[in-house]
N, C-alpha and C. Protein backbone atom coordinates (compact mmCIF):
# COMPACT_ATOMS: atom_id res chain seq x y z
N MET A 1 0.86 -1.16 -0.01
CA MET A 1 0.01 -0.01 -0.01
C MET A 1 0.90 1.22 -0.01
N SER A 2 0.46 2.24 -0.70
CA SER A 2 1.24 3.47 -0.73
C SER A 2 1.07 4.25 0.56
N SER A 3 1.95 5.22 0.77
CA SER A 3 1.96 5.97 2.02
C SER A 3 0.72 6.84 2.20
N ASN A 4 -0.01 7.19 1.16
CA ASN A 4 -1.20 8.01 1.31
C ASN A 4 -2.46 7.18 1.49
N ASN A 5 -2.33 5.94 1.89
CA ASN A 5 -3.41 5.02 2.18
C ASN A 5 -4.21 4.65 0.92
N LEU A 6 -3.61 4.80 -0.26
CA LEU A 6 -4.21 4.34 -1.46
C LEU A 6 -3.50 3.07 -1.92
N PRO A 7 -4.17 2.22 -2.67
CA PRO A 7 -3.48 1.03 -3.15
C PRO A 7 -2.33 1.40 -4.06
N ASP A 8 -1.32 0.55 -4.11
CA ASP A 8 -0.18 0.80 -4.98
C ASP A 8 -0.59 0.91 -6.43
N LYS A 9 -1.60 0.15 -6.82
CA LYS A 9 -2.07 0.16 -8.21
C LYS A 9 -3.53 0.64 -8.25
N SER A 10 -3.72 1.93 -8.13
CA SER A 10 -5.07 2.45 -8.10
C SER A 10 -5.78 2.37 -9.44
N GLU A 11 -5.08 2.01 -10.49
CA GLU A 11 -5.72 1.86 -11.78
C GLU A 11 -6.49 0.53 -11.87
N LEU A 12 -6.26 -0.37 -10.92
CA LEU A 12 -6.97 -1.66 -10.93
C LEU A 12 -8.40 -1.49 -10.45
N PRO A 13 -9.31 -2.37 -10.91
CA PRO A 13 -10.67 -2.32 -10.40
C PRO A 13 -10.74 -2.74 -8.94
N PHE A 14 -11.88 -2.55 -8.33
CA PHE A 14 -12.10 -2.84 -6.92
C PHE A 14 -13.06 -4.02 -6.79
N PHE A 15 -12.69 -5.04 -6.00
CA PHE A 15 -13.58 -6.17 -5.72
C PHE A 15 -14.38 -5.82 -4.47
N ALA A 16 -15.67 -5.58 -4.64
CA ALA A 16 -16.54 -5.21 -3.52
C ALA A 16 -17.38 -6.43 -3.15
N TYR A 17 -17.35 -6.82 -1.88
CA TYR A 17 -18.12 -7.97 -1.42
C TYR A 17 -19.01 -7.62 -0.23
N GLY A 18 -18.91 -6.41 0.25
CA GLY A 18 -19.70 -6.03 1.45
C GLY A 18 -20.29 -4.64 1.31
N LEU A 19 -19.86 -3.76 2.17
CA LEU A 19 -20.48 -2.43 2.28
C LEU A 19 -20.38 -1.58 1.06
N PHE A 20 -19.44 -1.87 0.14
CA PHE A 20 -19.25 -1.03 -1.06
C PHE A 20 -19.93 -1.61 -2.30
N LYS A 21 -20.71 -2.69 -2.15
CA LYS A 21 -21.46 -3.23 -3.28
C LYS A 21 -22.56 -2.25 -3.65
N PRO A 22 -23.02 -2.25 -4.91
CA PRO A 22 -24.04 -1.29 -5.34
C PRO A 22 -25.33 -1.30 -4.53
N ASP A 23 -25.68 -2.36 -3.88
CA ASP A 23 -26.91 -2.37 -3.11
C ASP A 23 -26.69 -2.19 -1.61
N GLN A 24 -25.51 -1.70 -1.21
CA GLN A 24 -25.19 -1.54 0.20
C GLN A 24 -24.96 -0.09 0.58
N LEU A 25 -24.90 0.15 1.89
CA LEU A 25 -24.87 1.52 2.43
C LEU A 25 -23.70 2.37 2.00
N ALA A 26 -22.48 1.84 1.90
CA ALA A 26 -21.33 2.68 1.59
C ALA A 26 -21.11 2.93 0.12
N TYR A 27 -21.93 2.33 -0.74
CA TYR A 27 -21.76 2.54 -2.17
C TYR A 27 -21.93 4.00 -2.56
N TRP A 28 -22.73 4.74 -1.84
CA TRP A 28 -22.97 6.13 -2.16
C TRP A 28 -21.68 6.94 -2.29
N CYS A 29 -20.64 6.55 -1.51
CA CYS A 29 -19.40 7.37 -1.50
C CYS A 29 -18.52 7.10 -2.71
N ILE A 30 -18.85 6.09 -3.53
CA ILE A 30 -18.03 5.80 -4.71
C ILE A 30 -18.86 5.76 -5.99
N LYS A 31 -20.16 5.78 -5.89
CA LYS A 31 -21.03 5.53 -7.06
C LYS A 31 -20.77 6.50 -8.23
N ASP A 32 -20.42 7.76 -7.93
CA ASP A 32 -20.18 8.73 -9.02
C ASP A 32 -18.91 8.41 -9.80
N PHE A 33 -18.04 7.54 -9.25
CA PHE A 33 -16.77 7.22 -9.90
C PHE A 33 -16.82 5.88 -10.65
N VAL A 34 -17.92 5.13 -10.46
CA VAL A 34 -18.03 3.77 -11.00
C VAL A 34 -18.56 3.84 -12.42
N ASP A 35 -17.90 3.08 -13.30
CA ASP A 35 -18.39 2.91 -14.67
C ASP A 35 -19.73 2.18 -14.59
N GLU A 36 -20.79 2.81 -14.99
CA GLU A 36 -22.16 2.23 -14.86
C GLU A 36 -22.28 0.90 -15.53
N ASN A 37 -21.51 0.62 -16.56
CA ASN A 37 -21.56 -0.68 -17.21
C ASN A 37 -21.02 -1.82 -16.36
N GLU A 38 -20.36 -1.46 -15.29
CA GLU A 38 -19.67 -2.48 -14.46
C GLU A 38 -20.42 -2.83 -13.18
N THR A 39 -21.53 -2.19 -12.89
CA THR A 39 -22.16 -2.39 -11.57
C THR A 39 -22.76 -3.78 -11.42
N ASP A 40 -23.02 -4.49 -12.49
CA ASP A 40 -23.57 -5.84 -12.39
C ASP A 40 -22.54 -6.90 -12.68
N SER A 41 -21.28 -6.57 -12.64
CA SER A 41 -20.21 -7.51 -12.96
C SER A 41 -20.00 -8.46 -11.76
N LYS A 42 -20.78 -9.51 -11.73
CA LYS A 42 -20.60 -10.50 -10.65
C LYS A 42 -19.23 -11.12 -10.72
N ALA A 43 -18.61 -11.29 -9.58
CA ALA A 43 -17.24 -11.81 -9.53
C ALA A 43 -17.06 -12.64 -8.28
N TRP A 44 -15.95 -13.33 -8.20
CA TRP A 44 -15.62 -14.11 -7.01
C TRP A 44 -14.12 -14.30 -6.93
N THR A 45 -13.69 -14.61 -5.71
CA THR A 45 -12.28 -14.89 -5.47
C THR A 45 -12.20 -16.05 -4.51
N GLU A 46 -11.04 -16.67 -4.42
CA GLU A 46 -10.87 -17.77 -3.46
C GLU A 46 -10.89 -17.21 -2.06
N GLY A 47 -11.68 -17.82 -1.20
CA GLY A 47 -11.78 -17.38 0.17
C GLY A 47 -13.20 -17.48 0.68
N VAL A 48 -13.43 -17.00 1.89
CA VAL A 48 -14.73 -16.98 2.50
C VAL A 48 -15.00 -15.59 3.08
N ILE A 49 -16.27 -15.26 3.15
CA ILE A 49 -16.67 -14.00 3.79
C ILE A 49 -17.26 -14.31 5.16
N LEU A 50 -16.61 -13.74 6.15
CA LEU A 50 -17.04 -13.92 7.54
C LEU A 50 -17.67 -12.65 8.03
N GLU A 51 -18.34 -12.71 9.15
CA GLU A 51 -18.83 -11.49 9.80
C GLU A 51 -18.11 -11.31 11.11
N ARG A 52 -17.48 -10.16 11.26
CA ARG A 52 -16.74 -9.87 12.49
C ARG A 52 -17.17 -8.48 12.96
N ASP A 53 -17.61 -8.37 14.18
CA ASP A 53 -18.05 -7.11 14.77
C ASP A 53 -19.10 -6.46 13.88
N GLY A 54 -19.96 -7.26 13.23
CA GLY A 54 -21.03 -6.73 12.42
C GLY A 54 -20.65 -6.38 10.99
N LEU A 55 -19.36 -6.56 10.62
CA LEU A 55 -18.89 -6.22 9.28
C LEU A 55 -18.52 -7.46 8.49
N PRO A 56 -18.77 -7.44 7.18
CA PRO A 56 -18.31 -8.56 6.36
C PRO A 56 -16.79 -8.45 6.20
N ILE A 57 -16.11 -9.60 6.36
CA ILE A 57 -14.66 -9.64 6.31
C ILE A 57 -14.26 -10.77 5.35
N LEU A 58 -13.42 -10.45 4.39
CA LEU A 58 -12.92 -11.45 3.46
C LEU A 58 -11.68 -12.13 4.06
N LYS A 59 -11.75 -13.46 4.07
CA LYS A 59 -10.60 -14.25 4.44
C LYS A 59 -10.13 -14.98 3.20
N PRO A 60 -9.13 -14.42 2.49
CA PRO A 60 -8.66 -15.07 1.26
C PRO A 60 -8.04 -16.44 1.58
N GLY A 61 -8.21 -17.33 0.64
CA GLY A 61 -7.62 -18.65 0.81
C GLY A 61 -8.38 -19.67 0.00
N PRO A 62 -7.85 -20.90 -0.07
CA PRO A 62 -8.41 -21.91 -0.97
C PRO A 62 -9.66 -22.61 -0.45
N GLU A 63 -10.16 -22.24 0.75
CA GLU A 63 -11.23 -23.00 1.33
C GLU A 63 -12.65 -22.63 0.86
N GLY A 64 -12.77 -21.77 -0.12
CA GLY A 64 -14.12 -21.46 -0.59
C GLY A 64 -14.09 -20.51 -1.77
N SER A 65 -15.26 -20.00 -2.11
CA SER A 65 -15.43 -19.04 -3.19
C SER A 65 -16.24 -17.86 -2.64
N ALA A 66 -15.61 -16.70 -2.56
CA ALA A 66 -16.26 -15.53 -1.98
C ALA A 66 -16.86 -14.68 -3.10
N PRO A 67 -18.19 -14.48 -3.10
CA PRO A 67 -18.82 -13.70 -4.16
C PRO A 67 -18.72 -12.22 -3.90
N GLY A 68 -18.76 -11.45 -4.99
CA GLY A 68 -18.74 -10.01 -4.89
C GLY A 68 -19.04 -9.40 -6.25
N VAL A 69 -18.68 -8.14 -6.39
CA VAL A 69 -18.90 -7.39 -7.62
C VAL A 69 -17.59 -6.70 -7.97
N LEU A 70 -17.27 -6.73 -9.25
CA LEU A 70 -16.07 -6.05 -9.73
C LEU A 70 -16.46 -4.64 -10.19
N LEU A 71 -15.88 -3.62 -9.56
CA LEU A 71 -16.19 -2.22 -9.88
C LEU A 71 -14.98 -1.58 -10.57
N THR A 72 -15.24 -1.04 -11.75
CA THR A 72 -14.19 -0.31 -12.48
C THR A 72 -14.51 1.16 -12.35
N PHE A 73 -13.52 1.95 -11.99
CA PHE A 73 -13.70 3.38 -11.82
C PHE A 73 -13.39 4.11 -13.13
N HIS A 74 -14.03 5.25 -13.35
CA HIS A 74 -13.77 6.09 -14.51
C HIS A 74 -12.29 6.46 -14.53
N GLU A 75 -11.71 6.49 -15.70
CA GLU A 75 -10.31 6.86 -15.83
C GLU A 75 -10.09 8.27 -15.29
N GLY A 76 -9.05 8.41 -14.45
CA GLY A 76 -8.76 9.68 -13.84
C GLY A 76 -9.45 9.88 -12.50
N CYS A 77 -10.38 9.03 -12.14
CA CYS A 77 -11.12 9.16 -10.88
C CYS A 77 -10.72 8.10 -9.85
N GLU A 78 -9.80 7.22 -10.21
CA GLU A 78 -9.47 6.09 -9.36
C GLU A 78 -8.96 6.52 -7.98
N GLU A 79 -8.06 7.48 -7.94
CA GLU A 79 -7.51 7.88 -6.64
C GLU A 79 -8.56 8.47 -5.73
N GLU A 80 -9.45 9.26 -6.29
CA GLU A 80 -10.52 9.85 -5.45
C GLU A 80 -11.47 8.76 -4.96
N ALA A 81 -11.78 7.80 -5.80
CA ALA A 81 -12.64 6.69 -5.37
C ALA A 81 -12.00 5.91 -4.25
N TYR A 82 -10.71 5.56 -4.41
CA TYR A 82 -10.03 4.81 -3.35
C TYR A 82 -9.83 5.64 -2.09
N SER A 83 -9.70 6.95 -2.22
CA SER A 83 -9.63 7.83 -1.04
C SER A 83 -10.94 7.78 -0.25
N ASN A 84 -12.07 7.76 -0.99
CA ASN A 84 -13.37 7.67 -0.33
C ASN A 84 -13.54 6.30 0.36
N ILE A 85 -13.05 5.27 -0.26
CA ILE A 85 -13.10 3.93 0.38
C ILE A 85 -12.25 3.94 1.64
N ALA A 86 -11.05 4.52 1.58
CA ALA A 86 -10.14 4.57 2.74
C ALA A 86 -10.77 5.38 3.88
N ALA A 87 -11.55 6.40 3.55
CA ALA A 87 -12.16 7.21 4.59
C ALA A 87 -13.21 6.46 5.39
N LEU A 88 -13.81 5.46 4.78
CA LEU A 88 -14.88 4.70 5.47
C LEU A 88 -14.45 3.34 6.01
N GLU A 89 -13.37 2.79 5.49
CA GLU A 89 -12.96 1.44 5.94
C GLU A 89 -12.43 1.50 7.36
N SER A 90 -12.62 0.43 8.07
CA SER A 90 -12.13 0.31 9.44
C SER A 90 -10.68 -0.14 9.42
N LYS A 91 -9.78 0.70 9.90
CA LYS A 91 -8.35 0.36 9.93
C LYS A 91 -8.05 -0.83 10.84
N TYR A 92 -8.97 -1.10 11.77
CA TYR A 92 -8.77 -2.20 12.69
C TYR A 92 -9.21 -3.54 12.07
N GLN A 93 -10.10 -3.51 11.10
CA GLN A 93 -10.65 -4.72 10.52
C GLN A 93 -10.02 -5.11 9.17
N TYR A 94 -9.64 -4.10 8.37
CA TYR A 94 -9.26 -4.40 6.99
C TYR A 94 -7.83 -4.03 6.66
N ARG A 95 -7.31 -4.77 5.68
CA ARG A 95 -6.02 -4.42 5.04
C ARG A 95 -6.28 -4.48 3.53
N ARG A 96 -5.51 -3.74 2.79
CA ARG A 96 -5.66 -3.74 1.32
C ARG A 96 -4.88 -4.92 0.76
N GLU A 97 -5.44 -5.57 -0.20
CA GLU A 97 -4.78 -6.69 -0.91
C GLU A 97 -5.10 -6.59 -2.41
N THR A 98 -4.20 -7.11 -3.19
CA THR A 98 -4.43 -7.30 -4.60
C THR A 98 -4.65 -8.79 -4.80
N LEU A 99 -5.80 -9.15 -5.36
CA LEU A 99 -6.20 -10.54 -5.43
C LEU A 99 -6.58 -10.92 -6.87
N PRO A 100 -6.44 -12.22 -7.18
CA PRO A 100 -6.96 -12.71 -8.46
C PRO A 100 -8.47 -12.83 -8.35
N ILE A 101 -9.18 -12.30 -9.32
CA ILE A 101 -10.64 -12.28 -9.33
C ILE A 101 -11.12 -12.97 -10.60
N GLU A 102 -12.16 -13.77 -10.48
CA GLU A 102 -12.81 -14.41 -11.63
C GLU A 102 -14.13 -13.67 -11.86
N HIS A 103 -14.47 -13.42 -13.12
CA HIS A 103 -15.75 -12.83 -13.43
C HIS A 103 -16.17 -13.30 -14.83
N SER A 104 -17.29 -12.81 -15.31
CA SER A 104 -17.86 -13.31 -16.55
C SER A 104 -16.93 -13.19 -17.77
N ALA A 105 -16.04 -12.21 -17.76
CA ALA A 105 -15.15 -12.01 -18.89
C ALA A 105 -13.80 -12.71 -18.72
N GLY A 106 -13.61 -13.41 -17.59
CA GLY A 106 -12.36 -14.14 -17.36
C GLY A 106 -11.73 -13.78 -16.04
N SER A 107 -10.40 -13.83 -16.01
CA SER A 107 -9.64 -13.57 -14.77
C SER A 107 -9.02 -12.19 -14.85
N ILE A 108 -8.87 -11.57 -13.68
CA ILE A 108 -8.31 -10.24 -13.59
C ILE A 108 -7.73 -10.08 -12.20
N THR A 109 -6.81 -9.14 -12.03
CA THR A 109 -6.32 -8.78 -10.72
C THR A 109 -7.06 -7.53 -10.28
N ALA A 110 -7.45 -7.49 -8.99
CA ALA A 110 -8.18 -6.33 -8.50
C ALA A 110 -7.77 -6.02 -7.06
N ASN A 111 -8.01 -4.79 -6.67
CA ASN A 111 -7.82 -4.39 -5.26
C ASN A 111 -9.01 -4.86 -4.46
N ALA A 112 -8.76 -5.21 -3.21
CA ALA A 112 -9.85 -5.64 -2.31
C ALA A 112 -9.46 -5.30 -0.88
N LEU A 113 -10.48 -5.28 -0.04
CA LEU A 113 -10.27 -5.15 1.41
C LEU A 113 -10.38 -6.55 2.02
N ALA A 114 -9.33 -6.99 2.64
CA ALA A 114 -9.32 -8.31 3.29
C ALA A 114 -9.24 -8.10 4.79
N GLY A 115 -9.64 -9.10 5.55
CA GLY A 115 -9.60 -8.99 7.00
C GLY A 115 -8.18 -9.00 7.53
N LYS A 116 -7.90 -8.14 8.51
CA LYS A 116 -6.56 -8.18 9.16
C LYS A 116 -6.42 -9.41 9.99
N ARG A 117 -7.43 -9.72 10.77
CA ARG A 117 -7.47 -10.94 11.60
C ARG A 117 -8.87 -11.55 11.43
N PRO A 118 -9.11 -12.17 10.30
CA PRO A 118 -10.50 -12.59 10.00
C PRO A 118 -11.09 -13.61 10.97
N ASP A 119 -10.26 -14.31 11.71
CA ASP A 119 -10.78 -15.32 12.64
C ASP A 119 -10.98 -14.76 14.05
N ARG A 120 -10.71 -13.45 14.23
CA ARG A 120 -10.89 -12.83 15.54
C ARG A 120 -11.55 -11.46 15.36
N GLY A 121 -12.31 -11.04 16.33
CA GLY A 121 -12.89 -9.72 16.32
C GLY A 121 -11.84 -8.68 16.57
N SER A 122 -12.21 -7.41 16.50
CA SER A 122 -11.23 -6.34 16.66
C SER A 122 -10.84 -6.10 18.10
N LEU A 123 -11.56 -6.61 19.06
CA LEU A 123 -11.25 -6.36 20.46
C LEU A 123 -10.36 -7.42 21.05
């Protein structure tokens, strides 16, 4: 991760599996930056989605298939979109990761929020 709390590769799409999905509460903070053609891009990655302290947490790994949505940001708006994500993410729960993602058009690498300690709560 870069020093300004943005992903090292902000040009990559974002794998949303929880609060930032189009039908969830935090989507409002990034919706103006999302390519509208991409909001229904169902995707998945290896891992499981757990709930910790009331938040969905991705635990990457080979033990399952975690569903989500692949969001592509308008060119030139990526850093602002990721800044908005950083402003709302819990620093205690999440870390940024670049993960292999599968979706209808094939495989791609994307930024995602993964759990810092997915098997334990934040306390």
